[in-house]
Amino acid sequence: MTSRTHSKADRLAEGDRTAASSVALKMAVVIVFLALMGIALLSMRQERFDRMHAMSGHHGGIARARQDLWDMQSRIASRVGPRSLHEVIEWSQIELEPVTPLTGQMPPAIEGVESADAR
């Protein structure tokens, strides 16, 4: 009877070792999985930062282009007045349709803005 109990004890001890190694294996798998998830999240975060940096650069380029456009428009507006534009249209003999009804008068000048014709 002692041999039977002894063999039962041996089997229980062996089962405990198998269960312990199984738990350790599961823990190792979970740790590796969590490490891989962490690496993936860090990679996605870095890519997000890179894209935000690139987007910021593009926004700066858009702002510079917009400023250049405004500068060009203001230079053109300062050199071209309604009278000189009318003269150039007559000289080039371009037939344009009026956008607003013609009254035969030139539009009034904008206050505070010196046109190129007044100079």
PDB file of N, CA and C in Angstrom:
ATOM      1  N   MET A   1       0.800  -1.179   0.000  1.00  0.00           N
ATOM      2  CA  MET A   1       0.000   0.000   0.000  1.00  0.00           C
ATOM      3  C   MET A   1       0.859   1.267   0.000  1.00  0.00           C
ATOM      4  N   THR A   2       1.982   1.161   0.593  1.00  0.00           N
ATOM      5  CA  THR A   2       2.857   2.313   0.585  1.00  0.00           C
ATOM      6  C   THR A   2       3.375   2.589  -0.804  1.00  0.00           C
ATOM      7  N   SER A   3       3.556   1.545  -1.592  1.00  0.00           N
ATOM      8  CA  SER A   3       4.032   1.796  -2.949  1.00  0.00           C
ATOM      9  C   SER A   3       2.971   2.498  -3.780  1.00  0.00           C
ATOM     10  N   ARG A   4       1.713   2.124  -3.516  1.00  0.00           N
ATOM     11  CA  ARG A   4       0.651   2.813  -4.242  1.00  0.00           C
ATOM     12  C   ARG A   4       0.545   4.274  -3.814  1.00  0.00           C
ATOM     13  N   THR A   5       0.590   4.558  -2.550  1.00  0.00           N
ATOM     14  CA  THR A   5       0.517   5.935  -2.093  1.00  0.00           C
ATOM     15  C   THR A   5       1.745   6.705  -2.516  1.00  0.00           C
ATOM     16  N   HIS A   6       2.844   6.006  -2.529  1.00  0.00           N
ATOM     17  CA  HIS A   6       4.066   6.659  -2.959  1.00  0.00           C
ATOM     18  C   HIS A   6       3.974   7.028  -4.451  1.00  0.00           C
ATOM     19  N   SER A   7       3.459   6.140  -5.231  1.00  0.00           N
ATOM     20  CA  SER A   7       3.328   6.435  -6.648  1.00  0.00           C
ATOM     21  C   SER A   7       2.273   7.509  -6.887  1.00  0.00           C
ATOM     22  N   LYS A   8       1.219   7.550  -6.069  1.00  0.00           N
ATOM     23  CA  LYS A   8       0.237   8.629  -6.183  1.00  0.00           C
ATOM     24  C   LYS A   8       0.882   9.965  -5.834  1.00  0.00           C
ATOM     25  N   ALA A   9       1.703   9.988  -4.838  1.00  0.00           N
ATOM     26  CA  ALA A   9       2.390  11.214  -4.439  1.00  0.00           C
ATOM     27  C   ALA A   9       3.349  11.662  -5.537  1.00  0.00           C
ATOM     28  N   ASP A  10       4.023  10.659  -6.132  1.00  0.00           N
ATOM     29  CA  ASP A  10       4.922  10.996  -7.241  1.00  0.00           C
ATOM     30  C   ASP A  10       4.149  11.587  -8.417  1.00  0.00           C
ATOM     31  N   ARG A  11       2.999  10.986  -8.695  1.00  0.00           N
ATOM     32  CA  ARG A  11       2.193  11.508  -9.804  1.00  0.00           C
ATOM     33  C   ARG A  11       1.655  12.909  -9.498  1.00  0.00           C
ATOM     34  N   LEU A  12       1.255  13.140  -8.269  1.00  0.00           N
ATOM     35  CA  LEU A  12       0.781  14.470  -7.890  1.00  0.00           C
ATOM     36  C   LEU A  12       1.907  15.495  -7.987  1.00  0.00           C
ATOM     37  N   ALA A  13       3.092  15.121  -7.547  1.00  0.00           N
ATOM     38  CA  ALA A  13       4.228  16.030  -7.619  1.00  0.00           C
ATOM     39  C   ALA A  13       4.580  16.319  -9.077  1.00  0.00           C
ATOM     40  N   GLU A  14       4.521  15.272  -9.893  1.00  0.00           N
ATOM     41  CA  GLU A  14       4.811  15.453 -11.317  1.00  0.00           C
ATOM     42  C   GLU A  14       3.747  16.335 -11.973  1.00  0.00           C
ATOM     43  N   GLY A  15       2.492  16.174 -11.574  1.00  0.00           N
ATOM     44  CA  GLY A  15       1.396  17.002 -12.084  1.00  0.00           C
ATOM     45  C   GLY A  15       1.574  18.452 -11.670  1.00  0.00           C
ATOM     46  N   ASP A  16       2.040  18.658 -10.439  1.00  0.00           N
ATOM     47  CA  ASP A  16       2.286  20.023  -9.976  1.00  0.00           C
ATOM     48  C   ASP A  16       3.400  20.678 -10.794  1.00  0.00           C
ATOM     49  N   ARG A  17       4.451  19.890 -11.093  1.00  0.00           N
ATOM     50  CA  ARG A  17       5.552  20.439 -11.894  1.00  0.00           C
ATOM     51  C   ARG A  17       5.071  20.756 -13.303  1.00  0.00           C
ATOM     52  N   THR A  18       4.241  19.892 -13.877  1.00  0.00           N
ATOM     53  CA  THR A  18       3.710  20.127 -15.216  1.00  0.00           C
ATOM     54  C   THR A  18       2.806  21.359 -15.212  1.00  0.00           C
ATOM     55  N   ALA A  19       1.970  21.496 -14.201  1.00  0.00           N
ATOM     56  CA  ALA A  19       1.085  22.638 -14.098  1.00  0.00           C
ATOM     57  C   ALA A  19       1.902  23.919 -13.912  1.00  0.00           C
ATOM     58  N   ALA A  20       2.946  23.843 -13.089  1.00  0.00           N
ATOM     59  CA  ALA A  20       3.781  25.021 -12.863  1.00  0.00           C
ATOM     60  C   ALA A  20       4.503  25.431 -14.137  1.00  0.00           C
ATOM     61  N   SER A  21       5.008  24.460 -14.895  1.00  0.00           N
ATOM     62  CA  SER A  21       5.685  24.802 -16.144  1.00  0.00           C
ATOM     63  C   SER A  21       4.685  25.322 -17.171  1.00  0.00           C
ATOM     64  N   SER A  22       3.458  24.805 -17.135  1.00  0.00           N
ATOM     65  CA  SER A  22       2.415  25.285 -18.044  1.00  0.00           C
ATOM     66  C   SER A  22       2.060  26.738 -17.723  1.00  0.00           C
ATOM     67  N   VAL A  23       1.953  27.055 -16.443  1.00  0.00           N
ATOM     68  CA  VAL A  23       1.648  28.427 -16.036  1.00  0.00           C
ATOM     69  C   VAL A  23       2.796  29.355 -16.418  1.00  0.00           C
ATOM     70  N   ALA A  24       4.023  28.908 -16.212  1.00  0.00           N
ATOM     71  CA  ALA A  24       5.185  29.728 -16.565  1.00  0.00           C
ATOM     72  C   ALA A  24       5.220  29.976 -18.069  1.00  0.00           C
ATOM     73  N   LEU A  25       4.894  28.953 -18.851  1.00  0.00           N
ATOM     74  CA  LEU A  25       4.858  29.104 -20.303  1.00  0.00           C
ATOM     75  C   LEU A  25       3.777  30.116 -20.713  1.00  0.00           C
ATOM     76  N   LYS A  26       2.606  30.015 -20.094  1.00  0.00           N
ATOM     77  CA  LYS A  26       1.524  30.954 -20.405  1.00  0.00           C
ATOM     78  C   LYS A  26       1.925  32.377 -20.033  1.00  0.00           C
ATOM     79  N   MET A  27       2.573  32.520 -18.879  1.00  0.00           N
ATOM     80  CA  MET A  27       3.022  33.853 -18.459  1.00  0.00           C
ATOM     81  C   MET A  27       4.048  34.415 -19.453  1.00  0.00           C
ATOM     82  N   ALA A  28       4.951  33.570 -19.918  1.00  0.00           N
ATOM     83  CA  ALA A  28       5.961  34.012 -20.877  1.00  0.00           C
ATOM     84  C   ALA A  28       5.298  34.452 -22.183  1.00  0.00           C
ATOM     85  N   VAL A  29       4.307  33.691 -22.629  1.00  0.00           N
ATOM     86  CA  VAL A  29       3.590  34.047 -23.858  1.00  0.00           C
ATOM     87  C   VAL A  29       2.874  35.383 -23.681  1.00  0.00           C
ATOM     88  N   VAL A  30       2.235  35.590 -22.529  1.00  0.00           N
ATOM     89  CA  VAL A  30       1.529  36.850 -22.264  1.00  0.00           C
ATOM     90  C   VAL A  30       2.521  38.005 -22.233  1.00  0.00           C
ATOM     91  N   ILE A  31       3.664  37.818 -21.598  1.00  0.00           N
ATOM     92  CA  ILE A  31       4.674  38.878 -21.515  1.00  0.00           C
ATOM     93  C   ILE A  31       5.196  39.240 -22.901  1.00  0.00           C
ATOM     94  N   VAL A  32       5.472  38.231 -23.727  1.00  0.00           N
ATOM     95  CA  VAL A  32       5.955  38.481 -25.090  1.00  0.00           C
ATOM     96  C   VAL A  32       4.879  39.206 -25.900  1.00  0.00           C
ATOM     97  N   PHE A  33       3.632  38.764 -25.748  1.00  0.00           N
ATOM     98  CA  PHE A  33       2.529  39.408 -26.465  1.00  0.00           C
ATOM     99  C   PHE A  33       2.388  40.870 -26.048  1.00  0.00           C
ATOM    100  N   LEU A  34       2.442  41.139 -24.755  1.00  0.00           N
ATOM    101  CA  LEU A  34       2.338  42.525 -24.285  1.00  0.00           C
ATOM    102  C   LEU A  34       3.510  43.374 -24.761  1.00  0.00           C
ATOM    103  N   ALA A  35       4.707  42.789 -24.808  1.00  0.00           N
ATOM    104  CA  ALA A  35       5.866  43.526 -25.309  1.00  0.00           C
ATOM    105  C   ALA A  35       5.684  43.881 -26.784  1.00  0.00           C
ATOM    106  N   LEU A  36       5.181  42.930 -27.568  1.00  0.00           N
ATOM    107  CA  LEU A  36       4.933  43.204 -28.985  1.00  0.00           C
ATOM    108  C   LEU A  36       3.854  44.268 -29.169  1.00  0.00           C
ATOM    109  N   MET A  37       2.827  44.225 -28.345  1.00  0.00           N
ATOM    110  CA  MET A  37       1.781  45.257 -28.412  1.00  0.00           C
ATOM    111  C   MET A  37       2.360  46.630 -28.062  1.00  0.00           C
ATOM    112  N   GLY A  38       3.218  46.683 -27.062  1.00  0.00           N
ATOM    113  CA  GLY A  38       3.853  47.946 -26.692  1.00  0.00           C
ATOM    114  C   GLY A  38       4.712  48.497 -27.811  1.00  0.00           C
ATOM    115  N   ILE A  39       5.469  47.627 -28.460  1.00  0.00           N
ATOM    116  CA  ILE A  39       6.318  48.049 -29.576  1.00  0.00           C
ATOM    117  C   ILE A  39       5.454  48.577 -30.724  1.00  0.00           C
ATOM    118  N   ALA A  40       4.352  47.885 -30.998  1.00  0.00           N
ATOM    119  CA  ALA A  40       3.453  48.329 -32.077  1.00  0.00           C
ATOM    120  C   ALA A  40       2.855  49.690 -31.747  1.00  0.00           C
ATOM    121  N   LEU A  41       2.433  49.890 -30.513  1.00  0.00           N
ATOM    122  CA  LEU A  41       1.856  51.184 -30.128  1.00  0.00           C
ATOM    123  C   LEU A  41       2.891  52.300 -30.207  1.00  0.00           C
ATOM    124  N   LEU A  42       4.122  52.031 -29.772  1.00  0.00           N
ATOM    125  CA  LEU A  42       5.171  53.047 -29.867  1.00  0.00           C
ATOM    126  C   LEU A  42       5.480  53.395 -31.323  1.00  0.00           C
ATOM    127  N   SER A  43       5.464  52.389 -32.172  1.00  0.00           N
ATOM    128  CA  SER A  43       5.707  52.621 -33.594  1.00  0.00           C
ATOM    129  C   SER A  43       4.606  53.495 -34.194  1.00  0.00           C
ATOM    130  N   MET A  44       3.354  53.203 -33.849  1.00  0.00           N
ATOM    131  CA  MET A  44       2.239  54.007 -34.361  1.00  0.00           C
ATOM    132  C   MET A  44       2.313  55.434 -33.828  1.00  0.00           C
ATOM    133  N   ARG A  45       2.710  55.598 -32.582  1.00  0.00           N
ATOM    134  CA  ARG A  45       2.832  56.927 -31.994  1.00  0.00           C
ATOM    135  C   ARG A  45       3.925  57.732 -32.707  1.00  0.00           C
ATOM    136  N   GLN A  46       5.058  57.081 -32.990  1.00  0.00           N
ATOM    137  CA  GLN A  46       6.150  57.764 -33.684  1.00  0.00           C
ATOM    138  C   GLN A  46       5.723  58.182 -35.093  1.00  0.00           C
ATOM    139  N   GLU A  47       4.992  57.316 -35.761  1.00  0.00           N
ATOM    140  CA  GLU A  47       4.520  57.653 -37.106  1.00  0.00           C
ATOM    141  C   GLU A  47       3.559  58.842 -37.047  1.00  0.00           C
ATOM    142  N   ARG A  48       2.723  58.876 -36.016  1.00  0.00           N
ATOM    143  CA  ARG A  48       1.811  60.001 -35.840  1.00  0.00           C
ATOM    144  C   ARG A  48       2.587  61.300 -35.649  1.00  0.00           C
ATOM    145  N   PHE A  49       3.636  61.279 -34.831  1.00  0.00           N
ATOM    146  CA  PHE A  49       4.465  62.463 -34.626  1.00  0.00           C
ATOM    147  C   PHE A  49       5.126  62.900 -35.930  1.00  0.00           C
ATOM    148  N   ASP A  50       5.620  61.938 -36.701  1.00  0.00           N
ATOM    149  CA  ASP A  50       6.257  62.262 -37.980  1.00  0.00           C
ATOM    150  C   ASP A  50       5.268  62.922 -38.938  1.00  0.00           C
ATOM    151  N   ARG A  51       4.061  62.393 -38.989  1.00  0.00           N
ATOM    152  CA  ARG A  51       3.051  62.963 -39.879  1.00  0.00           C
ATOM    153  C   ARG A  51       2.629  64.356 -39.425  1.00  0.00           C
ATOM    154  N   MET A  52       2.513  64.547 -38.114  1.00  0.00           N
ATOM    155  CA  MET A  52       2.154  65.875 -37.603  1.00  0.00           C
ATOM    156  C   MET A  52       3.257  66.885 -37.930  1.00  0.00           C
ATOM    157  N   HIS A  53       4.514  66.452 -37.852  1.00  0.00           N
ATOM    158  CA  HIS A  53       5.625  67.343 -38.188  1.00  0.00           C
ATOM    159  C   HIS A  53       5.585  67.713 -39.670  1.00  0.00           C
ATOM    160  N   ALA A  54       5.344  66.725 -40.522  1.00  0.00           N
ATOM    161  CA  ALA A  54       5.258  66.995 -41.960  1.00  0.00           C
ATOM    162  C   ALA A  54       4.078  67.916 -42.268  1.00  0.00           C
ATOM    163  N   MET A  55       2.950  67.683 -41.604  1.00  0.00           N
ATOM    164  CA  MET A  55       1.777  68.513 -41.831  1.00  0.00           C
ATOM    165  C   MET A  55       2.039  69.959 -41.398  1.00  0.00           C
ATOM    166  N   SER A  56       2.757  70.121 -40.309  1.00  0.00           N
ATOM    167  CA  SER A  56       3.108  71.460 -39.843  1.00  0.00           C
ATOM    168  C   SER A  56       3.978  72.176 -40.883  1.00  0.00           C
ATOM    169  N   GLY A  57       4.925  71.449 -41.466  1.00  0.00           N
ATOM    170  CA  GLY A  57       5.758  72.028 -42.524  1.00  0.00           C
ATOM    171  C   GLY A  57       4.942  72.434 -43.733  1.00  0.00           C
ATOM    172  N   HIS A  58       3.970  71.592 -44.108  1.00  0.00           N
ATOM    173  CA  HIS A  58       3.111  71.921 -45.248  1.00  0.00           C
ATOM    174  C   HIS A  58       2.259  73.155 -44.958  1.00  0.00           C
ATOM    175  N   HIS A  59       1.769  73.259 -43.728  1.00  0.00           N
ATOM    176  CA  HIS A  59       0.974  74.436 -43.373  1.00  0.00           C
ATOM    177  C   HIS A  59       1.821  75.702 -43.446  1.00  0.00           C
ATOM    178  N   GLY A  60       3.074  75.607 -43.041  1.00  0.00           N
ATOM    179  CA  GLY A  60       3.978  76.758 -43.160  1.00  0.00           C
ATOM    180  C   GLY A  60       4.189  77.146 -44.614  1.00  0.00           C
ATOM    181  N   GLY A  61       4.348  76.151 -45.484  1.00  0.00           N
ATOM    182  CA  GLY A  61       4.498  76.432 -46.918  1.00  0.00           C
ATOM    183  C   GLY A  61       3.258  77.066 -47.507  1.00  0.00           C
ATOM    184  N   ILE A  62       2.098  76.606 -47.076  1.00  0.00           N
ATOM    185  CA  ILE A  62       0.842  77.192 -47.561  1.00  0.00           C
ATOM    186  C   ILE A  62       0.738  78.640 -47.106  1.00  0.00           C
ATOM    187  N   ALA A  63       1.094  78.900 -45.854  1.00  0.00           N
ATOM    188  CA  ALA A  63       1.027  80.280 -45.338  1.00  0.00           C
ATOM    189  C   ALA A  63       1.989  81.190 -46.102  1.00  0.00           C
ATOM    190  N   ARG A  64       3.200  80.693 -46.414  1.00  0.00           N
ATOM    191  CA  ARG A  64       4.159  81.502 -47.190  1.00  0.00           C
ATOM    192  C   ARG A  64       3.622  81.770 -48.594  1.00  0.00           C
ATOM    193  N   ALA A  65       3.050  80.752 -49.230  1.00  0.00           N
ATOM    194  CA  ALA A  65       2.498  80.933 -50.576  1.00  0.00           C
ATOM    195  C   ALA A  65       1.336  81.921 -50.556  1.00  0.00           C
ATOM    196  N   ARG A  66       0.504  81.840 -49.533  1.00  0.00           N
ATOM    197  CA  ARG A  66      -0.616  82.774 -49.413  1.00  0.00           C
ATOM    198  C   ARG A  66      -0.107  84.207 -49.227  1.00  0.00           C
ATOM    199  N   GLN A  67       0.926  84.373 -48.416  1.00  0.00           N
ATOM    200  CA  GLN A  67       1.492  85.707 -48.201  1.00  0.00           C
ATOM    201  C   GLN A  67       2.091  86.252 -49.500  1.00  0.00           C
ATOM    202  N   ASP A  68       2.802  85.387 -50.248  1.00  0.00           N
ATOM    203  CA  ASP A  68       3.361  85.811 -51.539  1.00  0.00           C
ATOM    204  C   ASP A  68       2.256  86.230 -52.506  1.00  0.00           C
ATOM    205  N   LEU A  69       1.162  85.476 -52.523  1.00  0.00           N
ATOM    206  CA  LEU A  69       0.038  85.813 -53.391  1.00  0.00           C
ATOM    207  C   LEU A  69      -0.552  87.163 -53.012  1.00  0.00           C
ATOM    208  N   TRP A  70      -0.735  87.396 -51.707  1.00  0.00           N
ATOM    209  CA  TRP A  70      -1.264  88.694 -51.270  1.00  0.00           C
ATOM    210  C   TRP A  70      -0.320  89.829 -51.646  1.00  0.00           C
ATOM    211  N   ASP A  71       0.984  89.599 -51.514  1.00  0.00           N
ATOM    212  CA  ASP A  71       1.950  90.632 -51.900  1.00  0.00           C
ATOM    213  C   ASP A  71       1.847  90.948 -53.398  1.00  0.00           C
ATOM    214  N   MET A  72       1.757  89.907 -54.219  1.00  0.00           N
ATOM    215  CA  MET A  72       1.626  90.125 -55.661  1.00  0.00           C
ATOM    216  C   MET A  72       0.331  90.852 -55.994  1.00  0.00           C
ATOM    217  N   GLN A  73      -0.757  90.477 -55.350  1.00  0.00           N
ATOM    218  CA  GLN A  73      -2.031  91.140 -55.606  1.00  0.00           C
ATOM    219  C   GLN A  73      -1.978  92.613 -55.214  1.00  0.00           C
ATOM    220  N   SER A  74      -1.337  92.908 -54.093  1.00  0.00           N
ATOM    221  CA  SER A  74      -1.259  94.315 -53.682  1.00  0.00           C
ATOM    222  C   SER A  74      -0.353  95.113 -54.620  1.00  0.00           C
ATOM    223  N   ARG A  75       0.734  94.488 -55.111  1.00  0.00           N
ATOM    224  CA  ARG A  75       1.589  95.191 -56.083  1.00  0.00           C
ATOM    225  C   ARG A  75       0.843  95.457 -57.380  1.00  0.00           C
ATOM    226  N   ILE A  76       0.081  94.478 -57.842  1.00  0.00           N
ATOM    227  CA  ILE A  76      -0.705  94.660 -59.066  1.00  0.00           C
ATOM    228  C   ILE A  76      -1.751  95.742 -58.859  1.00  0.00           C
ATOM    229  N   ALA A  77      -2.423  95.709 -57.732  1.00  0.00           N
ATOM    230  CA  ALA A  77      -3.469  96.706 -57.445  1.00  0.00           C
ATOM    231  C   ALA A  77      -2.892  98.106 -57.347  1.00  0.00           C
ATOM    232  N   SER A  78      -1.667  98.216 -56.846  1.00  0.00           N
ATOM    233  CA  SER A  78      -1.078  99.550 -56.726  1.00  0.00           C
ATOM    234  C   SER A  78      -0.637 100.094 -58.084  1.00  0.00           C
ATOM    235  N   ARG A  79      -0.392  99.245 -59.055  1.00  0.00           N
ATOM    236  CA  ARG A  79       0.074  99.689 -60.375  1.00  0.00           C
ATOM    237  C   ARG A  79      -1.060  99.845 -61.387  1.00  0.00           C
ATOM    238  N   VAL A  80      -2.170  99.190 -61.160  1.00  0.00           N
ATOM    239  CA  VAL A  80      -3.255  99.202 -62.136  1.00  0.00           C
ATOM    240  C   VAL A  80      -4.462  99.900 -61.525  1.00  0.00           C
ATOM    241  N   GLY A  81      -4.918 100.921 -62.188  1.00  0.00           N
ATOM    242  CA  GLY A  81      -6.119 101.625 -61.765  1.00  0.00           C
ATOM    243  C   GLY A  81      -7.211 101.420 -62.789  1.00  0.00           C
ATOM    244  N   PRO A  82      -8.436 101.822 -62.481  1.00  0.00           N
ATOM    245  CA  PRO A  82      -9.544 101.619 -63.421  1.00  0.00           C
ATOM    246  C   PRO A  82      -9.337 102.320 -64.759  1.00  0.00           C
ATOM    247  N   ARG A  83      -8.807 103.548 -64.722  1.00  0.00           N
ATOM    248  CA  ARG A  83      -8.621 104.274 -65.984  1.00  0.00           C
ATOM    249  C   ARG A  83      -7.558 103.614 -66.858  1.00  0.00           C
ATOM    250  N   SER A  84      -6.433 103.243 -66.260  1.00  0.00           N
ATOM    251  CA  SER A  84      -5.373 102.616 -67.060  1.00  0.00           C
ATOM    252  C   SER A  84      -5.825 101.254 -67.577  1.00  0.00           C
ATOM    253  N   LEU A  85      -6.608 100.547 -66.813  1.00  0.00           N
ATOM    254  CA  LEU A  85      -7.134  99.261 -67.259  1.00  0.00           C
ATOM    255  C   LEU A  85      -8.087  99.472 -68.429  1.00  0.00           C
ATOM    256  N   HIS A  86      -8.915 100.494 -68.331  1.00  0.00           N
ATOM    257  CA  HIS A  86      -9.843 100.811 -69.418  1.00  0.00           C
ATOM    258  C   HIS A  86      -9.076 101.177 -70.689  1.00  0.00           C
ATOM    259  N   GLU A  87      -8.006 101.957 -70.562  1.00  0.00           N
ATOM    260  CA  GLU A  87      -7.188 102.330 -71.711  1.00  0.00           C
ATOM    261  C   GLU A  87      -6.529 101.110 -72.358  1.00  0.00           C
ATOM    262  N   VAL A  88      -6.035 100.201 -71.555  1.00  0.00           N
ATOM    263  CA  VAL A  88      -5.389  99.001 -72.095  1.00  0.00           C
ATOM    264  C   VAL A  88      -6.408  98.131 -72.808  1.00  0.00           C
ATOM    265  N   ILE A  89      -7.605  98.031 -72.275  1.00  0.00           N
ATOM    266  CA  ILE A  89      -8.650  97.230 -72.921  1.00  0.00           C
ATOM    267  C   ILE A  89      -9.026  97.850 -74.264  1.00  0.00           C
ATOM    268  N   GLU A  90      -9.162  99.179 -74.309  1.00  0.00           N
ATOM    269  CA  GLU A  90      -9.470  99.845 -75.588  1.00  0.00           C
ATOM    270  C   GLU A  90      -8.324  99.688 -76.580  1.00  0.00           C
ATOM    271  N   TRP A  91      -7.094  99.823 -76.121  1.00  0.00           N
ATOM    272  CA  TRP A  91      -5.935  99.711 -76.995  1.00  0.00           C
ATOM    273  C   TRP A  91      -5.811  98.311 -77.596  1.00  0.00           C
ATOM    274  N   SER A  92      -6.105  97.279 -76.785  1.00  0.00           N
ATOM    275  CA  SER A  92      -5.979  95.905 -77.284  1.00  0.00           C
ATOM    276  C   SER A  92      -7.207  95.452 -78.049  1.00  0.00           C
ATOM    277  N   GLN A  93      -8.246  96.275 -78.073  1.00  0.00           N
ATOM    278  CA  GLN A  93      -9.478  96.018 -78.821  1.00  0.00           C
ATOM    279  C   GLN A  93     -10.136  94.693 -78.403  1.00  0.00           C
ATOM    280  N   ILE A  94     -10.143  94.464 -77.116  1.00  0.00           N
ATOM    281  CA  ILE A  94     -10.816  93.278 -76.575  1.00  0.00           C
ATOM    282  C   ILE A  94     -12.258  93.648 -76.303  1.00  0.00           C
ATOM    283  N   GLU A  95     -13.181  92.795 -76.708  1.00  0.00           N
ATOM    284  CA  GLU A  95     -14.588  93.041 -76.442  1.00  0.00           C
ATOM    285  C   GLU A  95     -14.976  92.281 -75.176  1.00  0.00           C
ATOM    286  N   LEU A  96     -15.266  93.034 -74.153  1.00  0.00           N
ATOM    287  CA  LEU A  96     -15.672  92.450 -72.880  1.00  0.00           C
ATOM    288  C   LEU A  96     -17.107  92.832 -72.569  1.00  0.00           C
ATOM    289  N   GLU A  97     -17.808  91.948 -71.910  1.00  0.00           N
ATOM    290  CA  GLU A  97     -19.171  92.250 -71.495  1.00  0.00           C
ATOM    291  C   GLU A  97     -19.113  92.820 -70.085  1.00  0.00           C
ATOM    292  N   PRO A  98     -19.928  93.825 -69.797  1.00  0.00           N
ATOM    293  CA  PRO A  98     -19.906  94.406 -68.455  1.00  0.00           C
ATOM    294  C   PRO A  98     -20.479  93.438 -67.421  1.00  0.00           C
ATOM    295  N   VAL A  99     -19.902  93.463 -66.262  1.00  0.00           N
ATOM    296  CA  VAL A  99     -20.395  92.636 -65.168  1.00  0.00           C
ATOM    297  C   VAL A  99     -21.550  93.347 -64.479  1.00  0.00           C
ATOM    298  N   THR A 100     -21.458  94.664 -64.402  1.00  0.00           N
ATOM    299  CA  THR A 100     -22.524  95.480 -63.825  1.00  0.00           C
ATOM    300  C   THR A 100     -23.065  96.393 -64.916  1.00  0.00           C
ATOM    301  N   PRO A 101     -24.272  96.872 -64.765  1.00  0.00           N
ATOM    302  CA  PRO A 101     -24.814  97.770 -65.794  1.00  0.00           C
ATOM    303  C   PRO A 101     -24.000  99.056 -65.889  1.00  0.00           C
ATOM    304  N   LEU A 102     -23.738  99.486 -67.114  1.00  0.00           N
ATOM    305  CA  LEU A 102     -22.959 100.701 -67.338  1.00  0.00           C
ATOM    306  C   LEU A 102     -23.826 101.936 -67.163  1.00  0.00           C
ATOM    307  N   THR A 103     -23.300 102.916 -66.454  1.00  0.00           N
ATOM    308  CA  THR A 103     -23.999 104.190 -66.294  1.00  0.00           C
ATOM    309  C   THR A 103     -23.266 105.290 -67.029  1.00  0.00           C
ATOM    310  N   GLY A 104     -22.126 104.973 -67.619  1.00  0.00           N
ATOM    311  CA  GLY A 104     -21.350 105.960 -68.333  1.00  0.00           C
ATOM    312  C   GLY A 104     -20.375 106.693 -67.441  1.00  0.00           C
ATOM    313  N   GLN A 105     -20.364 106.374 -66.171  1.00  0.00           N
ATOM    314  CA  GLN A 105     -19.451 107.040 -65.251  1.00  0.00           C
ATOM    315  C   GLN A 105     -18.441 106.035 -64.729  1.00  0.00           C
ATOM    316  N   MET A 106     -17.294 106.548 -64.377  1.00  0.00           N
ATOM    317  CA  MET A 106     -16.272 105.695 -63.767  1.00  0.00           C
ATOM    318  C   MET A 106     -16.679 105.421 -62.313  1.00  0.00           C
ATOM    319  N   PRO A 107     -16.365 104.268 -61.805  1.00  0.00           N
ATOM    320  CA  PRO A 107     -16.711 103.980 -60.415  1.00  0.00           C
ATOM    321  C   PRO A 107     -15.931 104.894 -59.478  1.00  0.00           C
ATOM    322  N   PRO A 108     -16.514 105.238 -58.335  1.00  0.00           N
ATOM    323  CA  PRO A 108     -15.814 106.133 -57.409  1.00  0.00           C
ATOM    324  C   PRO A 108     -14.577 105.439 -56.835  1.00  0.00           C
ATOM    325  N   ALA A 109     -13.567 106.248 -56.543  1.00  0.00           N
ATOM    326  CA  ALA A 109     -12.338 105.711 -55.970  1.00  0.00           C
ATOM    327  C   ALA A 109     -12.590 105.302 -54.518  1.00  0.00           C
ATOM    328  N   ILE A 110     -11.866 104.344 -54.083  1.00  0.00           N
ATOM    329  CA  ILE A 110     -11.961 103.909 -52.693  1.00  0.00           C
ATOM    330  C   ILE A 110     -11.208 104.914 -51.837  1.00  0.00           C
ATOM    331  N   GLU A 111     -11.833 105.331 -50.753  1.00  0.00           N
ATOM    332  CA  GLU A 111     -11.217 106.332 -49.895  1.00  0.00           C
ATOM    333  C   GLU A 111      -9.949 105.785 -49.261  1.00  0.00           C
ATOM    334  N   GLY A 112      -8.917 106.597 -49.221  1.00  0.00           N
ATOM    335  CA  GLY A 112      -7.670 106.221 -48.574  1.00  0.00           C
ATOM    336  C   GLY A 112      -6.737 105.410 -49.448  1.00  0.00           C
ATOM    337  N   VAL A 113      -7.179 105.020 -50.640  1.00  0.00           N
ATOM    338  CA  VAL A 113      -6.336 104.239 -51.545  1.00  0.00           C
ATOM    339  C   VAL A 113      -5.974 105.114 -52.722  1.00  0.00           C
ATOM    340  N   GLU A 114      -4.714 105.286 -52.926  1.00  0.00           N
ATOM    341  CA  GLU A 114      -4.237 106.086 -54.054  1.00  0.00           C
ATOM    342  C   GLU A 114      -4.087 105.165 -55.242  1.00  0.00           C
ATOM    343  N   SER A 115      -4.774 105.477 -56.335  1.00  0.00           N
ATOM    344  CA  SER A 115      -4.683 104.623 -57.505  1.00  0.00           C
ATOM    345  C   SER A 115      -3.465 105.004 -58.323  1.00  0.00           C
ATOM    346  N   ALA A 116      -3.105 104.125 -59.250  1.00  0.00           N
ATOM    347  CA  ALA A 116      -1.955 104.371 -60.115  1.00  0.00           C
ATOM    348  C   ALA A 116      -2.249 105.510 -61.091  1.00  0.00           C
ATOM    349  N   ASP A 117      -3.542 105.725 -61.434  1.00  0.00           N
ATOM    350  CA  ASP A 117      -3.915 106.786 -62.361  1.00  0.00           C
ATOM    351  C   ASP A 117      -3.770 108.157 -61.735  1.00  0.00           C
ATOM    352  N   ALA A 118      -3.957 108.264 -60.435  1.00  0.00           N
ATOM    353  CA  ALA A 118      -3.915 109.558 -59.745  1.00  0.00           C
ATOM    354  C   ALA A 118      -2.485 110.046 -59.614  1.00  0.00           C
ATOM    355  N   ARG A 119      -1.520 109.166 -59.740  1.00  0.00           N
ATOM    356  CA  ARG A 119      -0.114 109.555 -59.589  1.00  0.00           C
ATOM    357  C   ARG A 119       0.377 110.213 -60.783  1.00  0.00           C
TER     358      ARG A 119
END
